[in-house]
Amino acid sequence: MATPDELRLRAMLAETMPGGGTSSDSLFTDEDISALLSESGGVLAAAAAEGWRRKAGIYAAMVNVSDAGQSRALGELQGKALAMAAEFERSAPMRAQQLRARPVGTRANLSARGG
């Protein structure tokens, strides 16, 4: 069962699941959400900033698509995700900066590193 903070973080990341859905219907599994909160020391804004940066990384590979007179500007998603990360980072600058300085791919607890 998701905690209230996990549900709030999902909402902040625009990762709410449809009725009857599971975390596999989202970019972030329940474990990912829990890890974001843990790595941020429980600071929701810092967890959201990191989550949006991770979404930007996923979106970086997307391209604009044009087919049969319709187009989708998927390439713009990365910029929008980075803008959201910056918004949340302003709410929790110190913790967000520590997360950003962490080597990519690690899930080390920042409190163990003095963060």
Foldseek 3Di string as FASTA:
>chain_A
DDDPLLVVLCVLLVFDAPVVDAQVRGPAHSVRSVLLCQQLVNPSLLSNLVSLQVVLVVLCPDQWDDDPRDIDHSNCSSVVSNVSSVVSCVVPVPSNVVVVPDDPPDSDRVVVVVD
